[in-house]
PDB file of all heavy atoms in Angstrom:
ATOM      1  N   SER A   1      63.554 110.626  64.681  1.00  0.00           N
ATOM      2  CA  SER A   1      64.038 111.832  64.036  1.00  0.00           C
ATOM      3  C   SER A   1      62.863 112.632  63.501  1.00  0.00           C
ATOM      4  O   SER A   1      61.760 112.110  63.346  1.00  0.00           O
ATOM      5  CB  SER A   1      65.017 111.506  62.905  1.00  0.00           C
ATOM      6  OG  SER A   1      64.382 110.748  61.891  1.00  0.00           O
ATOM      7  N   GLY A   2      63.106 113.877  63.222  1.00  0.00           N
ATOM      8  CA  GLY A   2      62.121 114.717  62.566  1.00  0.00           C
ATOM      9  C   GLY A   2      61.414 115.718  63.455  1.00  0.00           C
ATOM     10  O   GLY A   2      60.669 116.565  62.950  1.00  0.00           O
ATOM     11  N   GLY A   3      61.612 115.641  64.757  1.00  0.00           N
ATOM     12  CA  GLY A   3      60.948 116.583  65.635  1.00  0.00           C
ATOM     13  C   GLY A   3      61.486 117.996  65.454  1.00  0.00           C
ATOM     14  O   GLY A   3      62.677 118.194  65.234  1.00  0.00           O
ATOM     15  N   ARG A   4      60.591 118.977  65.547  1.00  0.00           N
ATOM     16  CA  ARG A   4      60.977 120.371  65.410  1.00  0.00           C
ATOM     17  C   ARG A   4      59.859 121.270  65.907  1.00  0.00           C
ATOM     18  O   ARG A   4      58.819 120.794  66.349  1.00  0.00           O
ATOM     19  CB  ARG A   4      61.320 120.696  63.957  1.00  0.00           C
ATOM     20  CG  ARG A   4      60.152 120.535  62.983  1.00  0.00           C
ATOM     21  CD  ARG A   4      60.550 120.998  61.599  1.00  0.00           C
ATOM     22  NE  ARG A   4      59.477 120.831  60.628  1.00  0.00           N
ATOM     23  CZ  ARG A   4      58.523 121.732  60.395  1.00  0.00           C
ATOM     24  NH1 ARG A   4      58.490 122.866  61.097  1.00  0.00           N
ATOM     25  NH2 ARG A   4      57.603 121.502  59.473  1.00  0.00           N
ATOM     26  N   LEU A   5      60.086 122.550  65.805  1.00  0.00           N
ATOM     27  CA  LEU A   5      59.071 123.542  66.133  1.00  0.00           C
ATOM     28  C   LEU A   5      58.133 123.727  64.951  1.00  0.00           C
ATOM     29  O   LEU A   5      58.585 123.917  63.818  1.00  0.00           O
ATOM     30  CB  LEU A   5      59.738 124.871  66.483  1.00  0.00           C
ATOM     31  CG  LEU A   5      58.821 126.069  66.703  1.00  0.00           C
ATOM     32  CD1 LEU A   5      57.981 125.877  67.956  1.00  0.00           C
ATOM     33  CD2 LEU A   5      59.648 127.345  66.796  1.00  0.00           C
ATOM     34  N   VAL A   6      56.834 123.676  65.215  1.00  0.00           N
ATOM     35  CA  VAL A   6      55.831 123.919  64.185  1.00  0.00           C
ATOM     36  C   VAL A   6      54.754 124.830  64.742  1.00  0.00           C
ATOM     37  O   VAL A   6      54.547 124.916  65.953  1.00  0.00           O
ATOM     38  CB  VAL A   6      55.189 122.618  63.661  1.00  0.00           C
ATOM     39  CG1 VAL A   6      56.229 121.729  63.000  1.00  0.00           C
ATOM     40  CG2 VAL A   6      54.509 121.863  64.798  1.00  0.00           C
ATOM     41  N   GLN A   7      54.058 125.509  63.851  1.00  0.00           N
ATOM     42  CA  GLN A   7      52.947 126.348  64.255  1.00  0.00           C
ATOM     43  C   GLN A   7      51.709 125.510  64.533  1.00  0.00           C
ATOM     44  O   GLN A   7      51.499 124.459  63.928  1.00  0.00           O
ATOM     45  CB  GLN A   7      52.623 127.359  63.170  1.00  0.00           C
ATOM     46  CG  GLN A   7      53.603 128.496  63.039  1.00  0.00           C
ATOM     47  CD  GLN A   7      53.117 129.541  62.064  1.00  0.00           C
ATOM     48  OE1 GLN A   7      52.556 129.222  61.025  1.00  0.00           O
ATOM     49  NE2 GLN A   7      53.329 130.803  62.404  1.00  0.00           N
ATOM     50  N   GLY A   8      50.886 126.000  65.438  1.00  0.00           N
ATOM     51  CA  GLY A   8      49.603 125.369  65.653  1.00  0.00           C
ATOM     52  C   GLY A   8      48.827 125.283  64.349  1.00  0.00           C
ATOM     53  O   GLY A   8      48.829 126.216  63.555  1.00  0.00           O
ATOM     54  N   GLY A   9      48.171 124.157  64.130  1.00  0.00           N
ATOM     55  CA  GLY A   9      47.472 123.912  62.882  1.00  0.00           C
ATOM     56  C   GLY A   9      48.328 123.313  61.794  1.00  0.00           C
ATOM     57  O   GLY A   9      47.797 122.906  60.747  1.00  0.00           O
ATOM     58  N   GLY A  10      49.615 123.257  62.016  1.00  0.00           N
ATOM     59  CA  GLY A  10      50.524 122.729  61.030  1.00  0.00           C
ATOM     60  C   GLY A  10      50.630 121.223  61.071  1.00  0.00           C
ATOM     61  O   GLY A  10      49.951 120.545  61.846  1.00  0.00           O
ATOM     62  N   SER A  11      51.505 120.708  60.227  1.00  0.00           N
ATOM     63  CA  SER A  11      51.699 119.267  60.090  1.00  0.00           C
ATOM     64  C   SER A  11      53.166 118.917  60.220  1.00  0.00           C
ATOM     65  O   SER A  11      54.051 119.725  59.941  1.00  0.00           O
ATOM     66  CB  SER A  11      51.182 118.782  58.734  1.00  0.00           C
ATOM     67  OG  SER A  11      49.794 119.024  58.591  1.00  0.00           O
ATOM     68  N   LEU A  12      53.409 117.695  60.632  1.00  0.00           N
ATOM     69  CA  LEU A  12      54.771 117.212  60.803  1.00  0.00           C
ATOM     70  C   LEU A  12      54.761 115.697  60.784  1.00  0.00           C
ATOM     71  O   LEU A  12      53.845 115.073  61.321  1.00  0.00           O
ATOM     72  CB  LEU A  12      55.348 117.712  62.127  1.00  0.00           C
ATOM     73  CG  LEU A  12      56.791 117.335  62.458  1.00  0.00           C
ATOM     74  CD1 LEU A  12      57.754 118.044  61.499  1.00  0.00           C
ATOM     75  CD2 LEU A  12      57.117 117.697  63.894  1.00  0.00           C
ATOM     76  N   THR A  13      55.776 115.112  60.185  1.00  0.00           N
ATOM     77  CA  THR A  13      55.967 113.673  60.221  1.00  0.00           C
ATOM     78  C   THR A  13      57.281 113.360  60.910  1.00  0.00           C
ATOM     79  O   THR A  13      58.320 113.932  60.558  1.00  0.00           O
ATOM     80  CB  THR A  13      55.967 113.067  58.809  1.00  0.00           C
ATOM     81  OG1 THR A  13      54.700 113.291  58.190  1.00  0.00           O
ATOM     82  CG2 THR A  13      56.207 111.560  58.873  1.00  0.00           C
ATOM     83  N   ILE A  14      57.224 112.487  61.890  1.00  0.00           N
ATOM     84  CA  ILE A  14      58.426 112.030  62.557  1.00  0.00           C
ATOM     85  C   ILE A  14      58.632 110.553  62.248  1.00  0.00           C
ATOM     86  O   ILE A  14      57.687 109.834  61.907  1.00  0.00           O
ATOM     87  CB  ILE A  14      58.390 112.281  64.079  1.00  0.00           C
ATOM     88  CG1 ILE A  14      57.162 111.628  64.725  1.00  0.00           C
ATOM     89  CG2 ILE A  14      58.398 113.781  64.361  1.00  0.00           C
ATOM     90  CD1 ILE A  14      57.131 111.760  66.238  1.00  0.00           C
ATOM     91  N   SER A  15      59.872 110.119  62.369  1.00  0.00           N
ATOM     92  CA  SER A  15      60.239 108.774  61.957  1.00  0.00           C
ATOM     93  C   SER A  15      60.983 108.049  63.064  1.00  0.00           C
ATOM     94  O   SER A  15      61.569 108.663  63.951  1.00  0.00           O
ATOM     95  CB  SER A  15      61.127 108.821  60.711  1.00  0.00           C
ATOM     96  OG  SER A  15      60.490 109.482  59.644  1.00  0.00           O
ATOM     97  N   CYS A  16      60.966 106.744  62.964  1.00  0.00           N
ATOM     98  CA  CYS A  16      61.714 105.886  63.873  1.00  0.00           C
ATOM     99  C   CYS A  16      62.384 104.813  63.045  1.00  0.00           C
ATOM    100  O   CYS A  16      61.708 104.009  62.395  1.00  0.00           O
ATOM    101  CB  CYS A  16      60.778 105.264  64.909  1.00  0.00           C
ATOM    102  SG  CYS A  16      61.523 103.967  65.925  1.00  0.00           S
ATOM    103  N   SER A  17      63.690 104.801  63.078  1.00  0.00           N
ATOM    104  CA  SER A  17      64.458 103.794  62.371  1.00  0.00           C
ATOM    105  C   SER A  17      64.867 102.706  63.350  1.00  0.00           C
ATOM    106  O   SER A  17      65.460 102.993  64.391  1.00  0.00           O
ATOM    107  CB  SER A  17      65.696 104.429  61.737  1.00  0.00           C
ATOM    108  OG  SER A  17      66.486 103.461  61.088  1.00  0.00           O
ATOM    109  N   ALA A  18      64.535 101.478  63.016  1.00  0.00           N
ATOM    110  CA  ALA A  18      64.810 100.350  63.893  1.00  0.00           C
ATOM    111  C   ALA A  18      65.893  99.460  63.310  1.00  0.00           C
ATOM    112  O   ALA A  18      65.945  99.226  62.103  1.00  0.00           O
ATOM    113  CB  ALA A  18      63.553  99.527  64.122  1.00  0.00           C
ATOM    114  N   SER A  19      66.721  98.950  64.178  1.00  0.00           N
ATOM    115  CA  SER A  19      67.719  97.970  63.791  1.00  0.00           C
ATOM    116  C   SER A  19      67.779  96.881  64.848  1.00  0.00           C
ATOM    117  O   SER A  19      67.406  97.092  65.997  1.00  0.00           O
ATOM    118  CB  SER A  19      69.093  98.617  63.603  1.00  0.00           C
ATOM    119  OG  SER A  19      69.542  99.201  64.817  1.00  0.00           O
ATOM    120  N   GLY A  20      68.226  95.732  64.444  1.00  0.00           N
ATOM    121  CA  GLY A  20      68.349  94.625  65.373  1.00  0.00           C
ATOM    122  C   GLY A  20      67.117  93.761  65.497  1.00  0.00           C
ATOM    123  O   GLY A  20      67.153  92.727  66.177  1.00  0.00           O
ATOM    124  N   MET A  21      66.022  94.177  64.883  1.00  0.00           N
ATOM    125  CA  MET A  21      64.799  93.393  64.882  1.00  0.00           C
ATOM    126  C   MET A  21      63.943  93.802  63.701  1.00  0.00           C
ATOM    127  O   MET A  21      63.846  94.987  63.381  1.00  0.00           O
ATOM    128  CB  MET A  21      64.002  93.567  66.175  1.00  0.00           C
ATOM    129  CG  MET A  21      63.578  95.004  66.463  1.00  0.00           C
ATOM    130  SD  MET A  21      62.464  95.170  67.877  1.00  0.00           S
ATOM    131  CE  MET A  21      60.930  94.601  67.139  1.00  0.00           C
ATOM    132  N   PRO A  22      63.287  92.851  63.059  1.00  0.00           N
ATOM    133  CA  PRO A  22      62.341  93.216  62.009  1.00  0.00           C
ATOM    134  C   PRO A  22      61.023  93.658  62.612  1.00  0.00           C
ATOM    135  O   PRO A  22      60.667  93.266  63.722  1.00  0.00           O
ATOM    136  CB  PRO A  22      62.188  91.913  61.220  1.00  0.00           C
ATOM    137  CG  PRO A  22      62.402  90.837  62.252  1.00  0.00           C
ATOM    138  CD  PRO A  22      63.440  91.390  63.194  1.00  0.00           C
ATOM    139  N   PHE A  23      60.287  94.451  61.879  1.00  0.00           N
ATOM    140  CA  PHE A  23      58.971  94.890  62.341  1.00  0.00           C
ATOM    141  C   PHE A  23      57.912  93.819  62.241  1.00  0.00           C
ATOM    142  O   PHE A  23      56.932  93.844  62.979  1.00  0.00           O
ATOM    143  CB  PHE A  23      58.505  96.089  61.512  1.00  0.00           C
ATOM    144  CG  PHE A  23      59.105  97.399  61.886  1.00  0.00           C
ATOM    145  CD1 PHE A  23      60.106  97.507  62.828  1.00  0.00           C
ATOM    146  CD2 PHE A  23      58.636  98.558  61.282  1.00  0.00           C
ATOM    147  CE1 PHE A  23      60.654  98.730  63.161  1.00  0.00           C
ATOM    148  CE2 PHE A  23      59.168  99.786  61.602  1.00  0.00           C
ATOM    149  CZ  PHE A  23      60.179  99.875  62.542  1.00  0.00           C
ATOM    150  N   THR A  24      58.071  92.900  61.346  1.00  0.00           N
ATOM    151  CA  THR A  24      56.988  92.054  60.869  1.00  0.00           C
ATOM    152  C   THR A  24      56.166  91.404  61.975  1.00  0.00           C
ATOM    153  O   THR A  24      54.937  91.412  61.928  1.00  0.00           O
ATOM    154  CB  THR A  24      57.534  90.972  59.935  1.00  0.00           C
ATOM    155  OG1 THR A  24      58.272  91.581  58.879  1.00  0.00           O
ATOM    156  CG2 THR A  24      56.397  90.157  59.333  1.00  0.00           C
ATOM    157  N   ASN A  25      56.813  90.864  62.962  1.00  0.00           N
ATOM    158  CA  ASN A  25      56.122  90.111  64.004  1.00  0.00           C
ATOM    159  C   ASN A  25      56.093  90.833  65.344  1.00  0.00           C
ATOM    160  O   ASN A  25      56.091  90.204  66.400  1.00  0.00           O
ATOM    161  CB  ASN A  25      56.760  88.736  64.168  1.00  0.00           C
ATOM    162  CG  ASN A  25      56.561  87.860  62.956  1.00  0.00           C
ATOM    163  OD1 ASN A  25      55.496  87.879  62.344  1.00  0.00           O
ATOM    164  ND2 ASN A  25      57.582  87.091  62.607  1.00  0.00           N
ATOM    165  N   HIS A  26      56.031  92.142  65.286  1.00  0.00           N
ATOM    166  CA  HIS A  26      56.061  92.926  66.509  1.00  0.00           C
ATOM    167  C   HIS A  26      55.040  94.049  66.467  1.00  0.00           C
ATOM    168  O   HIS A  26      54.606  94.491  65.416  1.00  0.00           O
ATOM    169  CB  HIS A  26      57.456  93.511  66.726  1.00  0.00           C
ATOM    170  CG  HIS A  26      58.513  92.470  66.850  1.00  0.00           C
ATOM    171  ND1 HIS A  26      58.807  91.862  68.054  1.00  0.00           N
ATOM    172  CD2 HIS A  26      59.322  91.910  65.920  1.00  0.00           C
ATOM    173  CE1 HIS A  26      59.772  90.972  67.856  1.00  0.00           C
ATOM    174  NE2 HIS A  26      60.101  90.986  66.579  1.00  0.00           N
ATOM    175  N   GLU A  27      54.664  94.493  67.666  1.00  0.00           N
ATOM    176  CA  GLU A  27      53.859  95.689  67.823  1.00  0.00           C
ATOM    177  C   GLU A  27      54.806  96.875  67.955  1.00  0.00           C
ATOM    178  O   GLU A  27      55.763  96.840  68.743  1.00  0.00           O
ATOM    179  CB  GLU A  27      52.978  95.590  69.059  1.00  0.00           C
ATOM    180  CG  GLU A  27      52.051  96.774  69.271  1.00  0.00           C
ATOM    181  CD  GLU A  27      50.704  96.585  68.612  1.00  0.00           C
ATOM    182  OE1 GLU A  27      50.381  95.453  68.222  1.00  0.00           O
ATOM    183  OE2 GLU A  27      49.964  97.581  68.481  1.00  0.00           O
ATOM    184  N   MET A  28      54.523  97.922  67.207  1.00  0.00           N
ATOM    185  CA  MET A  28      55.295  99.146  67.268  1.00  0.00           C
ATOM    186  C   MET A  28      54.395 100.284  67.727  1.00  0.00           C
ATOM    187  O   MET A  28      53.207 100.316  67.387  1.00  0.00           O
ATOM    188  CB  MET A  28      55.885  99.493  65.901  1.00  0.00           C
ATOM    189  CG  MET A  28      56.743  98.397  65.292  1.00  0.00           C
ATOM    190  SD  MET A  28      58.278  98.108  66.226  1.00  0.00           S
ATOM    191  CE  MET A  28      59.064  99.722  66.087  1.00  0.00           C
ATOM    192  N   GLY A  29      54.961 101.203  68.466  1.00  0.00           N
ATOM    193  CA  GLY A  29      54.133 102.277  68.980  1.00  0.00           C
ATOM    194  C   GLY A  29      54.853 103.599  69.117  1.00  0.00           C
ATOM    195  O   GLY A  29      56.083 103.682  69.050  1.00  0.00           O
ATOM    196  N   TRP A  30      54.041 104.620  69.299  1.00  0.00           N
ATOM    197  CA  TRP A  30      54.517 105.951  69.643  1.00  0.00           C
ATOM    198  C   TRP A  30      53.905 106.366  70.972  1.00  0.00           C
ATOM    199  O   TRP A  30      52.704 106.199  71.197  1.00  0.00           O
ATOM    200  CB  TRP A  30      54.129 106.984  68.586  1.00  0.00           C
ATOM    201  CG  TRP A  30      54.876 106.897  67.298  1.00  0.00           C
ATOM    202  CD1 TRP A  30      54.460 106.322  66.144  1.00  0.00           C
ATOM    203  CD2 TRP A  30      56.171 107.441  67.029  1.00  0.00           C
ATOM    204  NE1 TRP A  30      55.404 106.459  65.172  1.00  0.00           N
ATOM    205  CE2 TRP A  30      56.469 107.143  65.682  1.00  0.00           C
ATOM    206  CE3 TRP A  30      57.105 108.147  67.786  1.00  0.00           C
ATOM    207  CZ2 TRP A  30      57.672 107.532  65.080  1.00  0.00           C
ATOM    208  CZ3 TRP A  30      58.293 108.523  67.192  1.00  0.00           C
ATOM    209  CH2 TRP A  30      58.562 108.213  65.859  1.00  0.00           C
ATOM    210  N   PHE A  31      54.742 106.913  71.822  1.00  0.00           N
ATOM    211  CA  PHE A  31      54.312 107.520  73.070  1.00  0.00           C
ATOM    212  C   PHE A  31      54.873 108.928  73.130  1.00  0.00           C
ATOM    213  O   PHE A  31      55.813 109.270  72.416  1.00  0.00           O
ATOM    214  CB  PHE A  31      54.812 106.718  74.274  1.00  0.00           C
ATOM    215  CG  PHE A  31      54.144 105.380  74.452  1.00  0.00           C
ATOM    216  CD1 PHE A  31      54.477 104.307  73.646  1.00  0.00           C
ATOM    217  CD2 PHE A  31      53.181 105.201  75.429  1.00  0.00           C
ATOM    218  CE1 PHE A  31      53.868 103.075  73.806  1.00  0.00           C
ATOM    219  CE2 PHE A  31      52.560 103.970  75.608  1.00  0.00           C
ATOM    220  CZ  PHE A  31      52.902 102.912  74.792  1.00  0.00           C
ATOM    221  N   ARG A  32      54.321 109.731  74.005  1.00  0.00           N
ATOM    222  CA  ARG A  32      54.866 111.064  74.208  1.00  0.00           C
ATOM    223  C   ARG A  32      54.874 111.386  75.692  1.00  0.00           C
ATOM    224  O   ARG A  32      54.094 110.845  76.471  1.00  0.00           O
ATOM    225  CB  ARG A  32      54.089 112.119  73.426  1.00  0.00           C
ATOM    226  CG  ARG A  32      52.644 112.298  73.861  1.00  0.00           C
ATOM    227  CD  ARG A  32      51.925 113.223  72.882  1.00  0.00           C
ATOM    228  NE  ARG A  32      50.554 113.498  73.298  1.00  0.00           N
ATOM    229  CZ  ARG A  32      49.675 114.162  72.578  1.00  0.00           C
ATOM    230  NH1 ARG A  32      50.009 114.640  71.372  1.00  0.00           N
ATOM    231  NH2 ARG A  32      48.448 114.367  73.044  1.00  0.00           N
ATOM    232  N   GLN A  33      55.758 112.296  76.054  1.00  0.00           N
ATOM    233  CA  GLN A  33      55.912 112.617  77.458  1.00  0.00           C
ATOM    234  C   GLN A  33      56.324 114.070  77.633  1.00  0.00           C
ATOM    235  O   GLN A  33      57.217 114.562  76.948  1.00  0.00           O
ATOM    236  CB  GLN A  33      56.947 111.705  78.115  1.00  0.00           C
ATOM    237  CG  GLN A  33      57.026 111.835  79.627  1.00  0.00           C
ATOM    238  CD  GLN A  33      57.860 110.729  80.244  1.00  0.00           C
ATOM    239  OE1 GLN A  33      58.712 110.131  79.593  1.00  0.00           O
ATOM    240  NE2 GLN A  33      57.609 110.445  81.518  1.00  0.00           N
TER     241      GLN A  33
END
């Protein structure tokens, strides 16, 4: 969640909510396409 239109030079934070597994013992990543 959190994606939107922003101006060049601006800032934005996007989030990923996970369920069904804890983060603790896993690698988490972001990719884009």
